[in-house]
Amino acid sequence: ALHADAPTAEETDWVQIVEWYDELVRL
């Protein structure tokens, strides 16, 4: 959803994506 929400690749919220990956690693 964060990728889909970004108007351009440069505007992707990578910090929040890392946080979600941290959750995935935990799970």
mmCIF file of all heavy atoms, coordinates in Angstrom:
data_MODEL
# 
_entry.id   MODEL 
# 
loop_
_atom_site.group_PDB 
_atom_site.id 
_atom_site.type_symbol 
_atom_site.label_atom_id 
_atom_site.label_alt_id 
_atom_site.label_comp_id 
_atom_site.label_asym_id 
_atom_site.label_entity_id 
_atom_site.label_seq_id 
_atom_site.pdbx_PDB_ins_code 
_atom_site.Cartn_x 
_atom_site.Cartn_y 
_atom_site.Cartn_z 
_atom_site.occupancy 
_atom_site.B_iso_or_equiv 
_atom_site.pdbx_formal_charge 
_atom_site.auth_seq_id 
_atom_site.auth_comp_id 
_atom_site.auth_asym_id 
_atom_site.auth_atom_id 
_atom_site.pdbx_PDB_model_num 
ATOM 1   N N   . ALA A 1 1  ? 0.828  -1.208  0.000  1.00 0.00 ? 1  ALA A N   1 
ATOM 2   C CA  . ALA A 1 1  ? 0.000  0.000   0.000  1.00 0.00 ? 1  ALA A CA  1 
ATOM 3   C C   . ALA A 1 1  ? 0.866  1.263   0.000  1.00 0.00 ? 1  ALA A C   1 
ATOM 4   O O   . ALA A 1 1  ? 0.527  2.260   -0.648 1.00 0.00 ? 1  ALA A O   1 
ATOM 5   C CB  . ALA A 1 1  ? -0.926 -0.012  1.207  1.00 0.00 ? 1  ALA A CB  1 
ATOM 6   N N   . LEU A 1 2  ? 1.984  1.240   0.717  1.00 0.00 ? 2  LEU A N   1 
ATOM 7   C CA  . LEU A 1 2  ? 2.881  2.393   0.727  1.00 0.00 ? 2  LEU A CA  1 
ATOM 8   C C   . LEU A 1 2  ? 3.494  2.626   -0.655 1.00 0.00 ? 2  LEU A C   1 
ATOM 9   O O   . LEU A 1 2  ? 3.661  3.769   -1.088 1.00 0.00 ? 2  LEU A O   1 
ATOM 10  C CB  . LEU A 1 2  ? 3.976  2.190   1.775  1.00 0.00 ? 2  LEU A CB  1 
ATOM 11  C CG  . LEU A 1 2  ? 3.513  2.329   3.229  1.00 0.00 ? 2  LEU A CG  1 
ATOM 12  C CD1 . LEU A 1 2  ? 4.575  1.806   4.189  1.00 0.00 ? 2  LEU A CD1 1 
ATOM 13  C CD2 . LEU A 1 2  ? 3.193  3.791   3.552  1.00 0.00 ? 2  LEU A CD2 1 
ATOM 14  N N   . HIS A 1 3  ? 3.835  1.544   -1.344 1.00 0.00 ? 3  HIS A N   1 
ATOM 15  C CA  . HIS A 1 3  ? 4.326  1.697   -2.723 1.00 0.00 ? 3  HIS A CA  1 
ATOM 16  C C   . HIS A 1 3  ? 3.225  2.271   -3.621 1.00 0.00 ? 3  HIS A C   1 
ATOM 17  O O   . HIS A 1 3  ? 3.473  3.157   -4.435 1.00 0.00 ? 3  HIS A O   1 
ATOM 18  C CB  . HIS A 1 3  ? 4.780  0.345   -3.270 1.00 0.00 ? 3  HIS A CB  1 
ATOM 19  C CG  . HIS A 1 3  ? 6.116  -0.094  -2.755 1.00 0.00 ? 3  HIS A CG  1 
ATOM 20  N ND1 . HIS A 1 3  ? 7.273  0.613   -2.994 1.00 0.00 ? 3  HIS A ND1 1 
ATOM 21  C CD2 . HIS A 1 3  ? 6.485  -1.188  -2.036 1.00 0.00 ? 3  HIS A CD2 1 
ATOM 22  C CE1 . HIS A 1 3  ? 8.292  -0.009  -2.437 1.00 0.00 ? 3  HIS A CE1 1 
ATOM 23  N NE2 . HIS A 1 3  ? 7.844  -1.099  -1.840 1.00 0.00 ? 3  HIS A NE2 1 
ATOM 24  N N   . ALA A 1 4  ? 2.011  1.767   -3.464 1.00 0.00 ? 4  ALA A N   1 
ATOM 25  C CA  . ALA A 1 4  ? 0.902  2.212   -4.304 1.00 0.00 ? 4  ALA A CA  1 
ATOM 26  C C   . ALA A 1 4  ? 0.530  3.658   -4.028 1.00 0.00 ? 4  ALA A C   1 
ATOM 27  O O   . ALA A 1 4  ? 0.040  4.369   -4.919 1.00 0.00 ? 4  ALA A O   1 
ATOM 28  C CB  . ALA A 1 4  ? -0.310 1.303   -4.080 1.00 0.00 ? 4  ALA A CB  1 
ATOM 29  N N   . ASP A 1 5  ? 0.757  4.113   -2.812 1.00 0.00 ? 5  ASP A N   1 
ATOM 30  C CA  . ASP A 1 5  ? 0.370  5.467   -2.400 1.00 0.00 ? 5  ASP A CA  1 
ATOM 31  C C   . ASP A 1 5  ? 1.350  6.530   -2.894 1.00 0.00 ? 5  ASP A C   1 
ATOM 32  O O   . ASP A 1 5  ? 1.004  7.714   -2.953 1.00 0.00 ? 5  ASP A O   1 
ATOM 33  C CB  . ASP A 1 5  ? 0.264  5.523   -0.876 1.00 0.00 ? 5  ASP A CB  1 
ATOM 34  C CG  . ASP A 1 5  ? -0.288 6.847   -0.375 1.00 0.00 ? 5  ASP A CG  1 
ATOM 35  O OD1 . ASP A 1 5  ? -1.380 7.235   -0.817 1.00 0.00 ? 5  ASP A OD1 1 
ATOM 36  O OD2 . ASP A 1 5  ? 0.387  7.490   0.448  1.00 0.00 ? 5  ASP A OD2 1 
ATOM 37  N N   . ALA A 1 6  ? 2.568  6.123   -3.249 1.00 0.00 ? 6  ALA A N   1 
ATOM 38  C CA  . ALA A 1 6  ? 3.592  7.098   -3.648 1.00 0.00 ? 6  ALA A CA  1 
ATOM 39  C C   . ALA A 1 6  ? 3.352  7.569   -5.088 1.00 0.00 ? 6  ALA A C   1 
ATOM 40  O O   . ALA A 1 6  ? 3.315  6.752   -6.003 1.00 0.00 ? 6  ALA A O   1 
ATOM 41  C CB  . ALA A 1 6  ? 4.974  6.474   -3.529 1.00 0.00 ? 6  ALA A CB  1 
ATOM 42  N N   . PRO A 1 7  ? 3.218  8.886   -5.315 1.00 0.00 ? 7  PRO A N   1 
ATOM 43  C CA  . PRO A 1 7  ? 3.004  9.383   -6.684 1.00 0.00 ? 7  PRO A CA  1 
ATOM 44  C C   . PRO A 1 7  ? 4.171  9.049   -7.614 1.00 0.00 ? 7  PRO A C   1 
ATOM 45  O O   . PRO A 1 7  ? 3.984  8.816   -8.799 1.00 0.00 ? 7  PRO A O   1 
ATOM 46  C CB  . PRO A 1 7  ? 2.866  10.899  -6.493 1.00 0.00 ? 7  PRO A CB  1 
ATOM 47  C CG  . PRO A 1 7  ? 2.501  11.079  -5.051 1.00 0.00 ? 7  PRO A CG  1 
ATOM 48  C CD  . PRO A 1 7  ? 3.188  9.968   -4.326 1.00 0.00 ? 7  PRO A CD  1 
ATOM 49  N N   . THR A 1 8  ? 5.389  9.036   -7.064 1.00 0.00 ? 8  THR A N   1 
ATOM 50  C CA  . THR A 1 8  ? 6.581  8.681   -7.827 1.00 0.00 ? 8  THR A CA  1 
ATOM 51  C C   . THR A 1 8  ? 7.444  7.769   -6.964 1.00 0.00 ? 8  THR A C   1 
ATOM 52  O O   . THR A 1 8  ? 7.284  7.708   -5.741 1.00 0.00 ? 8  THR A O   1 
ATOM 53  C CB  . THR A 1 8  ? 7.408  9.918   -8.219 1.00 0.00 ? 8  THR A CB  1 
ATOM 54  O OG1 . THR A 1 8  ? 7.931  10.529  -7.023 1.00 0.00 ? 8  THR A OG1 1 
ATOM 55  C CG2 . THR A 1 8  ? 6.567  10.929  -8.985 1.00 0.00 ? 8  THR A CG2 1 
ATOM 56  N N   . ALA A 1 9  ? 8.400  7.093   -7.600 1.00 0.00 ? 9  ALA A N   1 
ATOM 57  C CA  . ALA A 1 9  ? 9.299  6.217   -6.844 1.00 0.00 ? 9  ALA A CA  1 
ATOM 58  C C   . ALA A 1 9  ? 10.098 7.011   -5.823 1.00 0.00 ? 9  ALA A C   1 
ATOM 59  O O   . ALA A 1 9  ? 10.353 6.535   -4.705 1.00 0.00 ? 9  ALA A O   1 
ATOM 60  C CB  . ALA A 1 9  ? 10.228 5.490   -7.802 1.00 0.00 ? 9  ALA A CB  1 
ATOM 61  N N   . GLU A 1 10 ? 10.474 8.230   -6.190 1.00 0.00 ? 10 GLU A N   1 
ATOM 62  C CA  . GLU A 1 10 ? 11.288 9.072   -5.304 1.00 0.00 ? 10 GLU A CA  1 
ATOM 63  C C   . GLU A 1 10 ? 10.525 9.497   -4.056 1.00 0.00 ? 10 GLU A C   1 
ATOM 64  O O   . GLU A 1 10 ? 11.130 9.808   -3.024 1.00 0.00 ? 10 GLU A O   1 
ATOM 65  C CB  . GLU A 1 10 ? 11.779 10.311  -6.047 1.00 0.00 ? 10 GLU A CB  1 
ATOM 66  C CG  . GLU A 1 10 ? 12.770 10.028  -7.181 1.00 0.00 ? 10 GLU A CG  1 
ATOM 67  C CD  . GLU A 1 10 ? 12.125 9.398   -8.389 1.00 0.00 ? 10 GLU A CD  1 
ATOM 68  O OE1 . GLU A 1 10 ? 10.890 9.574   -8.577 1.00 0.00 ? 10 GLU A OE1 1 
ATOM 69  O OE2 . GLU A 1 10 ? 12.844 8.710   -9.151 1.00 0.00 ? 10 GLU A OE2 1 
ATOM 70  N N   . GLU A 1 11 ? 9.203  9.527   -4.129 1.00 0.00 ? 11 GLU A N   1 
ATOM 71  C CA  . GLU A 1 11 ? 8.385  9.958   -2.993 1.00 0.00 ? 11 GLU A CA  1 
ATOM 72  C C   . GLU A 1 11 ? 7.939  8.806   -2.101 1.00 0.00 ? 11 GLU A C   1 
ATOM 73  O O   . GLU A 1 11 ? 7.141  8.999   -1.180 1.00 0.00 ? 11 GLU A O   1 
ATOM 74  C CB  . GLU A 1 11 ? 7.157  10.715  -3.511 1.00 0.00 ? 11 GLU A CB  1 
ATOM 75  C CG  . GLU A 1 11 ? 7.497  12.009  -4.233 1.00 0.00 ? 11 GLU A CG  1 
ATOM 76  C CD  . GLU A 1 11 ? 6.273  12.654  -4.854 1.00 0.00 ? 11 GLU A CD  1 
ATOM 77  O OE1 . GLU A 1 11 ? 5.583  13.414  -4.158 1.00 0.00 ? 11 GLU A OE1 1 
ATOM 78  O OE2 . GLU A 1 11 ? 6.003  12.394  -6.054 1.00 0.00 ? 11 GLU A OE2 1 
ATOM 79  N N   . THR A 1 12 ? 8.464  7.612   -2.343 1.00 0.00 ? 12 THR A N   1 
ATOM 80  C CA  . THR A 1 12 ? 8.100  6.455   -1.525 1.00 0.00 ? 12 THR A CA  1 
ATOM 81  C C   . THR A 1 12 ? 8.565  6.655   -0.080 1.00 0.00 ? 12 THR A C   1 
ATOM 82  O O   . THR A 1 12 ? 9.676  7.108   0.165  1.00 0.00 ? 12 THR A O   1 
ATOM 83  C CB  . THR A 1 12 ? 8.749  5.178   -2.093 1.00 0.00 ? 12 THR A CB  1 
ATOM 84  O OG1 . THR A 1 12 ? 8.346  5.009   -3.456 1.00 0.00 ? 12 THR A OG1 1 
ATOM 85  C CG2 . THR A 1 12 ? 8.332  3.953   -1.293 1.00 0.00 ? 12 THR A CG2 1 
ATOM 86  N N   . ASP A 1 13 ? 7.710  6.306   0.858  1.00 0.00 ? 13 ASP A N   1 
ATOM 87  C CA  . ASP A 1 13 ? 8.023  6.441   2.280  1.00 0.00 ? 13 ASP A CA  1 
ATOM 88  C C   . ASP A 1 13 ? 8.829  5.220   2.734  1.00 0.00 ? 13 ASP A C   1 
ATOM 89  O O   . ASP A 1 13 ? 8.310  4.297   3.366  1.00 0.00 ? 13 ASP A O   1 
ATOM 90  C CB  . ASP A 1 13 ? 6.728  6.570   3.091  1.00 0.00 ? 13 ASP A CB  1 
ATOM 91  C CG  . ASP A 1 13 ? 6.985  6.920   4.557  1.00 0.00 ? 13 ASP A CG  1 
ATOM 92  O OD1 . ASP A 1 13 ? 8.150  6.813   5.001  1.00 0.00 ? 13 ASP A OD1 1 
ATOM 93  O OD2 . ASP A 1 13 ? 6.025  7.275   5.253  1.00 0.00 ? 13 ASP A OD2 1 
ATOM 94  N N   . TRP A 1 14 ? 10.129 5.231   2.420  1.00 0.00 ? 14 TRP A N   1 
ATOM 95  C CA  . TRP A 1 14 ? 10.966 4.080   2.718  1.00 0.00 ? 14 TRP A CA  1 
ATOM 96  C C   . TRP A 1 14 ? 11.174 3.866   4.214  1.00 0.00 ? 14 TRP A C   1 
ATOM 97  O O   . TRP A 1 14 ? 11.343 2.733   4.668  1.00 0.00 ? 14 TRP A O   1 
ATOM 98  C CB  . TRP A 1 14 ? 12.313 4.220   2.017  1.00 0.00 ? 14 TRP A CB  1 
ATOM 99  C CG  . TRP A 1 14 ? 12.221 3.993   0.539  1.00 0.00 ? 14 TRP A CG  1 
ATOM 100 C CD1 . TRP A 1 14 ? 12.290 4.926   -0.447 1.00 0.00 ? 14 TRP A CD1 1 
ATOM 101 C CD2 . TRP A 1 14 ? 12.028 2.732   -0.114 1.00 0.00 ? 14 TRP A CD2 1 
ATOM 102 N NE1 . TRP A 1 14 ? 12.150 4.337   -1.685 1.00 0.00 ? 14 TRP A NE1 1 
ATOM 103 C CE2 . TRP A 1 14 ? 11.991 2.986   -1.504 1.00 0.00 ? 14 TRP A CE2 1 
ATOM 104 C CE3 . TRP A 1 14 ? 11.889 1.425   0.339  1.00 0.00 ? 14 TRP A CE3 1 
ATOM 105 C CZ2 . TRP A 1 14 ? 11.818 1.968   -2.432 1.00 0.00 ? 14 TRP A CZ2 1 
ATOM 106 C CZ3 . TRP A 1 14 ? 11.710 0.413   -0.586 1.00 0.00 ? 14 TRP A CZ3 1 
ATOM 107 C CH2 . TRP A 1 14 ? 11.678 0.687   -1.959 1.00 0.00 ? 14 TRP A CH2 1 
ATOM 108 N N   . VAL A 1 15 ? 11.162 4.930   4.975  1.00 0.00 ? 15 VAL A N   1 
ATOM 109 C CA  . VAL A 1 15 ? 11.338 4.782   6.430  1.00 0.00 ? 15 VAL A CA  1 
ATOM 110 C C   . VAL A 1 15 ? 10.205 3.939   7.016  1.00 0.00 ? 15 VAL A C   1 
ATOM 111 O O   . VAL A 1 15 ? 10.439 3.013   7.811  1.00 0.00 ? 15 VAL A O   1 
ATOM 112 C CB  . VAL A 1 15 ? 11.395 6.166   7.112  1.00 0.00 ? 15 VAL A CB  1 
ATOM 113 C CG1 . VAL A 1 15 ? 11.378 6.003   8.630  1.00 0.00 ? 15 VAL A CG1 1 
ATOM 114 C CG2 . VAL A 1 15 ? 12.648 6.922   6.669  1.00 0.00 ? 15 VAL A CG2 1 
ATOM 115 N N   . GLN A 1 16 ? 8.990  4.237   6.604  1.00 0.00 ? 16 GLN A N   1 
ATOM 116 C CA  . GLN A 1 16 ? 7.859  3.461   7.108  1.00 0.00 ? 16 GLN A CA  1 
ATOM 117 C C   . GLN A 1 16 ? 7.887  2.030   6.558  1.00 0.00 ? 16 GLN A C   1 
ATOM 118 O O   . GLN A 1 16 ? 7.507  1.077   7.256  1.00 0.00 ? 16 GLN A O   1 
ATOM 119 C CB  . GLN A 1 16 ? 6.539  4.147   6.739  1.00 0.00 ? 16 GLN A CB  1 
ATOM 120 C CG  . GLN A 1 16 ? 5.353  3.581   7.501  1.00 0.00 ? 16 GLN A CG  1 
ATOM 121 C CD  . GLN A 1 16 ? 4.077  4.374   7.299  1.00 0.00 ? 16 GLN A CD  1 
ATOM 122 O OE1 . GLN A 1 16 ? 3.013  3.909   7.677  1.00 0.00 ? 16 GLN A OE1 1 
ATOM 123 N NE2 . GLN A 1 16 ? 4.160  5.551   6.706  1.00 0.00 ? 16 GLN A NE2 1 
ATOM 124 N N   . ILE A 1 17 ? 8.360  1.865   5.332  1.00 0.00 ? 17 ILE A N   1 
ATOM 125 C CA  . ILE A 1 17 ? 8.469  0.525   4.763  1.00 0.00 ? 17 ILE A CA  1 
ATOM 126 C C   . ILE A 1 17 ? 9.455  -0.318  5.571  1.00 0.00 ? 17 ILE A C   1 
ATOM 127 O O   . ILE A 1 17 ? 9.209  -1.494  5.846  1.00 0.00 ? 17 ILE A O   1 
ATOM 128 C CB  . ILE A 1 17 ? 8.873  0.605   3.275  1.00 0.00 ? 17 ILE A CB  1 
ATOM 129 C CG1 . ILE A 1 17 ? 7.674  1.085   2.442  1.00 0.00 ? 17 ILE A CG1 1 
ATOM 130 C CG2 . ILE A 1 17 ? 9.362  -0.752  2.763  1.00 0.00 ? 17 ILE A CG2 1 
ATOM 131 C CD1 . ILE A 1 17 ? 7.978  1.298   0.974  1.00 0.00 ? 17 ILE A CD1 1 
ATOM 132 N N   . VAL A 1 18 ? 10.575 0.284   5.973  1.00 0.00 ? 18 VAL A N   1 
ATOM 133 C CA  . VAL A 1 18 ? 11.533 -0.450  6.812  1.00 0.00 ? 18 VAL A CA  1 
ATOM 134 C C   . VAL A 1 18 ? 10.863 -0.879  8.116  1.00 0.00 ? 18 VAL A C   1 
ATOM 135 O O   . VAL A 1 18 ? 11.069 -2.008  8.598  1.00 0.00 ? 18 VAL A O   1 
ATOM 136 C CB  . VAL A 1 18 ? 12.782 0.407   7.097  1.00 0.00 ? 18 VAL A CB  1 
ATOM 137 C CG1 . VAL A 1 18 ? 13.664 -0.257  8.156  1.00 0.00 ? 18 VAL A CG1 1 
ATOM 138 C CG2 . VAL A 1 18 ? 13.588 0.631   5.823  1.00 0.00 ? 18 VAL A CG2 1 
ATOM 139 N N   . GLU A 1 19 ? 10.055 -0.009  8.682  1.00 0.00 ? 19 GLU A N   1 
ATOM 140 C CA  . GLU A 1 19 ? 9.371  -0.352  9.929  1.00 0.00 ? 19 GLU A CA  1 
ATOM 141 C C   . GLU A 1 19 ? 8.443  -1.548  9.739  1.00 0.00 ? 19 GLU A C   1 
ATOM 142 O O   . GLU A 1 19 ? 8.362  -2.432  10.608 1.00 0.00 ? 19 GLU A O   1 
ATOM 143 C CB  . GLU A 1 19 ? 8.592  0.858   10.440 1.00 0.00 ? 19 GLU A CB  1 
ATOM 144 C CG  . GLU A 1 19 ? 9.489  2.000   10.902 1.00 0.00 ? 19 GLU A CG  1 
ATOM 145 C CD  . GLU A 1 19 ? 8.698  3.250   11.261 1.00 0.00 ? 19 GLU A CD  1 
ATOM 146 O OE1 . GLU A 1 19 ? 7.459  3.244   11.047 1.00 0.00 ? 19 GLU A OE1 1 
ATOM 147 O OE2 . GLU A 1 19 ? 9.301  4.218   11.748 1.00 0.00 ? 19 GLU A OE2 1 
ATOM 148 N N   . TRP A 1 20 ? 7.762  -1.603  8.591  1.00 0.00 ? 20 TRP A N   1 
ATOM 149 C CA  . TRP A 1 20 ? 6.889  -2.753  8.323  1.00 0.00 ? 20 TRP A CA  1 
ATOM 150 C C   . TRP A 1 20 ? 7.700  -4.015  8.082  1.00 0.00 ? 20 TRP A C   1 
ATOM 151 O O   . TRP A 1 20 ? 7.301  -5.106  8.485  1.00 0.00 ? 20 TRP A O   1 
ATOM 152 C CB  . TRP A 1 20 ? 5.967  -2.460  7.145  1.00 0.00 ? 20 TRP A CB  1 
ATOM 153 C CG  . TRP A 1 20 ? 4.752  -1.666  7.536  1.00 0.00 ? 20 TRP A CG  1 
ATOM 154 C CD1 . TRP A 1 20 ? 4.449  -0.376  7.185  1.00 0.00 ? 20 TRP A CD1 1 
ATOM 155 C CD2 . TRP A 1 20 ? 3.667  -2.109  8.346  1.00 0.00 ? 20 TRP A CD2 1 
ATOM 156 N NE1 . TRP A 1 20 ? 3.249  0.005   7.747  1.00 0.00 ? 20 TRP A NE1 1 
ATOM 157 C CE2 . TRP A 1 20 ? 2.755  -1.047  8.461  1.00 0.00 ? 20 TRP A CE2 1 
ATOM 158 C CE3 . TRP A 1 20 ? 3.387  -3.308  9.005  1.00 0.00 ? 20 TRP A CE3 1 
ATOM 159 C CZ2 . TRP A 1 20 ? 1.572  -1.143  9.189  1.00 0.00 ? 20 TRP A CZ2 1 
ATOM 160 C CZ3 . TRP A 1 20 ? 2.204  -3.417  9.728  1.00 0.00 ? 20 TRP A CZ3 1 
ATOM 161 C CH2 . TRP A 1 20 ? 1.316  -2.333  9.824  1.00 0.00 ? 20 TRP A CH2 1 
ATOM 162 N N   . TYR A 1 21 ? 8.864  -3.859  7.433  1.00 0.00 ? 21 TYR A N   1 
ATOM 163 C CA  . TYR A 1 21 ? 9.728  -5.036  7.268  1.00 0.00 ? 21 TYR A CA  1 
ATOM 164 C C   . TYR A 1 21 ? 10.227 -5.539  8.619  1.00 0.00 ? 21 TYR A C   1 
ATOM 165 O O   . TYR A 1 21 ? 10.386 -6.746  8.823  1.00 0.00 ? 21 TYR A O   1 
ATOM 166 C CB  . TYR A 1 21 ? 10.912 -4.720  6.346  1.00 0.00 ? 21 TYR A CB  1 
ATOM 167 C CG  . TYR A 1 21 ? 10.599 -4.974  4.892  1.00 0.00 ? 21 TYR A CG  1 
ATOM 168 C CD1 . TYR A 1 21 ? 10.686 -3.955  3.948  1.00 0.00 ? 21 TYR A CD1 1 
ATOM 169 C CD2 . TYR A 1 21 ? 10.221 -6.240  4.452  1.00 0.00 ? 21 TYR A CD2 1 
ATOM 170 C CE1 . TYR A 1 21 ? 10.393 -4.182  2.619  1.00 0.00 ? 21 TYR A CE1 1 
ATOM 171 C CE2 . TYR A 1 21 ? 9.920  -6.479  3.117  1.00 0.00 ? 21 TYR A CE2 1 
ATOM 172 C CZ  . TYR A 1 21 ? 10.007 -5.448  2.207  1.00 0.00 ? 21 TYR A CZ  1 
ATOM 173 O OH  . TYR A 1 21 ? 9.714  -5.686  0.887  1.00 0.00 ? 21 TYR A OH  1 
ATOM 174 N N   . ASP A 1 22 ? 10.476 -4.629  9.542  1.00 0.00 ? 22 ASP A N   1 
ATOM 175 C CA  . ASP A 1 22 ? 10.859 -5.051  10.893 1.00 0.00 ? 22 ASP A CA  1 
ATOM 176 C C   . ASP A 1 22 ? 9.749  -5.902  11.524 1.00 0.00 ? 22 ASP A C   1 
ATOM 177 O O   . ASP A 1 22 ? 10.026 -6.903  12.208 1.00 0.00 ? 22 ASP A O   1 
ATOM 178 C CB  . ASP A 1 22 ? 11.156 -3.835  11.769 1.00 0.00 ? 22 ASP A CB  1 
ATOM 179 C CG  . ASP A 1 22 ? 12.455 -3.137  11.381 1.00 0.00 ? 22 ASP A CG  1 
ATOM 180 O OD1 . ASP A 1 22 ? 13.301 -3.787  10.722 1.00 0.00 ? 22 ASP A OD1 1 
ATOM 181 O OD2 . ASP A 1 22 ? 12.616 -1.946  11.720 1.00 0.00 ? 22 ASP A OD2 1 
ATOM 182 N N   . GLU A 1 23 ? 8.498  -5.513  11.305 1.00 0.00 ? 23 GLU A N   1 
ATOM 183 C CA  . GLU A 1 23 ? 7.372  -6.304  11.806 1.00 0.00 ? 23 GLU A CA  1 
ATOM 184 C C   . GLU A 1 23 ? 7.348  -7.678  11.133 1.00 0.00 ? 23 GLU A C   1 
ATOM 185 O O   . GLU A 1 23 ? 7.107  -8.703  11.783 1.00 0.00 ? 23 GLU A O   1 
ATOM 186 C CB  . GLU A 1 23 ? 6.048  -5.572  11.546 1.00 0.00 ? 23 GLU A CB  1 
ATOM 187 C CG  . GLU A 1 23 ? 5.838  -4.326  12.368 1.00 0.00 ? 23 GLU A CG  1 
ATOM 188 C CD  . GLU A 1 23 ? 5.561  -4.644  13.834 1.00 0.00 ? 23 GLU A CD  1 
ATOM 189 O OE1 . GLU A 1 23 ? 5.328  -5.823  14.176 1.00 0.00 ? 23 GLU A OE1 1 
ATOM 190 O OE2 . GLU A 1 23 ? 5.590  -3.711  14.653 1.00 0.00 ? 23 GLU A OE2 1 
ATOM 191 N N   . LEU A 1 24 ? 7.612  -7.692  9.830  1.00 0.00 ? 24 LEU A N   1 
ATOM 192 C CA  . LEU A 1 24 ? 7.614  -8.963  9.101  1.00 0.00 ? 24 LEU A CA  1 
ATOM 193 C C   . LEU A 1 24 ? 8.716  -9.889  9.591  1.00 0.00 ? 24 LEU A C   1 
ATOM 194 O O   . LEU A 1 24 ? 8.515  -11.102 9.714  1.00 0.00 ? 24 LEU A O   1 
ATOM 195 C CB  . LEU A 1 24 ? 7.787  -8.705  7.594  1.00 0.00 ? 24 LEU A CB  1 
ATOM 196 C CG  . LEU A 1 24 ? 6.519  -8.671  6.749  1.00 0.00 ? 24 LEU A CG  1 
ATOM 197 C CD1 . LEU A 1 24 ? 6.877  -8.372  5.297  1.00 0.00 ? 24 LEU A CD1 1 
ATOM 198 C CD2 . LEU A 1 24 ? 5.766  -10.002 6.836  1.00 0.00 ? 24 LEU A CD2 1 
ATOM 199 N N   . VAL A 1 25 ? 9.883  -9.334  9.847  1.00 0.00 ? 25 VAL A N   1 
ATOM 200 C CA  . VAL A 1 25 ? 10.973 -10.145 10.383 1.00 0.00 ? 25 VAL A CA  1 
ATOM 201 C C   . VAL A 1 25 ? 10.571 -10.743 11.726 1.00 0.00 ? 25 VAL A C   1 
ATOM 202 O O   . VAL A 1 25 ? 10.828 -11.928 12.010 1.00 0.00 ? 25 VAL A O   1 
ATOM 203 C CB  . VAL A 1 25 ? 12.261 -9.306  10.523 1.00 0.00 ? 25 VAL A CB  1 
ATOM 204 C CG1 . VAL A 1 25 ? 13.305 -10.057 11.344 1.00 0.00 ? 25 VAL A CG1 1 
ATOM 205 C CG2 . VAL A 1 25 ? 12.818 -8.955  9.155  1.00 0.00 ? 25 VAL A CG2 1 
ATOM 206 N N   . ARG A 1 26 ? 9.924  -9.936  12.549 1.00 0.00 ? 26 ARG A N   1 
ATOM 207 C CA  . ARG A 1 26 ? 9.470  -10.428 13.859 1.00 0.00 ? 26 ARG A CA  1 
ATOM 208 C C   . ARG A 1 26 ? 8.450  -11.559 13.691 1.00 0.00 ? 26 ARG A C   1 
ATOM 209 O O   . ARG A 1 26 ? 8.476  -12.547 14.438 1.00 0.00 ? 26 ARG A O   1 
ATOM 210 C CB  . ARG A 1 26 ? 8.845  -9.280  14.658 1.00 0.00 ? 26 ARG A CB  1 
ATOM 211 C CG  . ARG A 1 26 ? 8.351  -9.668  16.040 1.00 0.00 ? 26 ARG A CG  1 
ATOM 212 C CD  . ARG A 1 26 ? 7.730  -8.483  16.753 1.00 0.00 ? 26 ARG A CD  1 
ATOM 213 N NE  . ARG A 1 26 ? 6.560  -7.957  16.056 1.00 0.00 ? 26 ARG A NE  1 
ATOM 214 C CZ  . ARG A 1 26 ? 5.345  -8.507  16.132 1.00 0.00 ? 26 ARG A CZ  1 
ATOM 215 N NH1 . ARG A 1 26 ? 5.142  -9.598  16.878 1.00 0.00 ? 26 ARG A NH1 1 
ATOM 216 N NH2 . ARG A 1 26 ? 4.327  -7.982  15.475 1.00 0.00 ? 26 ARG A NH2 1 
ATOM 217 N N   . LEU A 1 27 ? 7.585  -11.442 12.703 1.00 0.00 ? 27 LEU A N   1 
ATOM 218 C CA  . LEU A 1 27 ? 6.521  -12.427 12.500 1.00 0.00 ? 27 LEU A CA  1 
ATOM 219 C C   . LEU A 1 27 ? 7.014  -13.704 11.831 1.00 0.00 ? 27 LEU A C   1 
ATOM 220 O O   . LEU A 1 27 ? 6.504  -14.790 12.107 1.00 0.00 ? 27 LEU A O   1 
ATOM 221 C CB  . LEU A 1 27 ? 5.395  -11.815 11.657 1.00 0.00 ? 27 LEU A CB  1 
ATOM 222 C CG  . LEU A 1 27 ? 4.542  -10.735 12.323 1.00 0.00 ? 27 LEU A CG  1 
ATOM 223 C CD1 . LEU A 1 27 ? 3.729  -9.988  11.278 1.00 0.00 ? 27 LEU A CD1 1 
ATOM 224 C CD2 . LEU A 1 27 ? 3.623  -11.362 13.363 1.00 0.00 ? 27 LEU A CD2 1 
# 
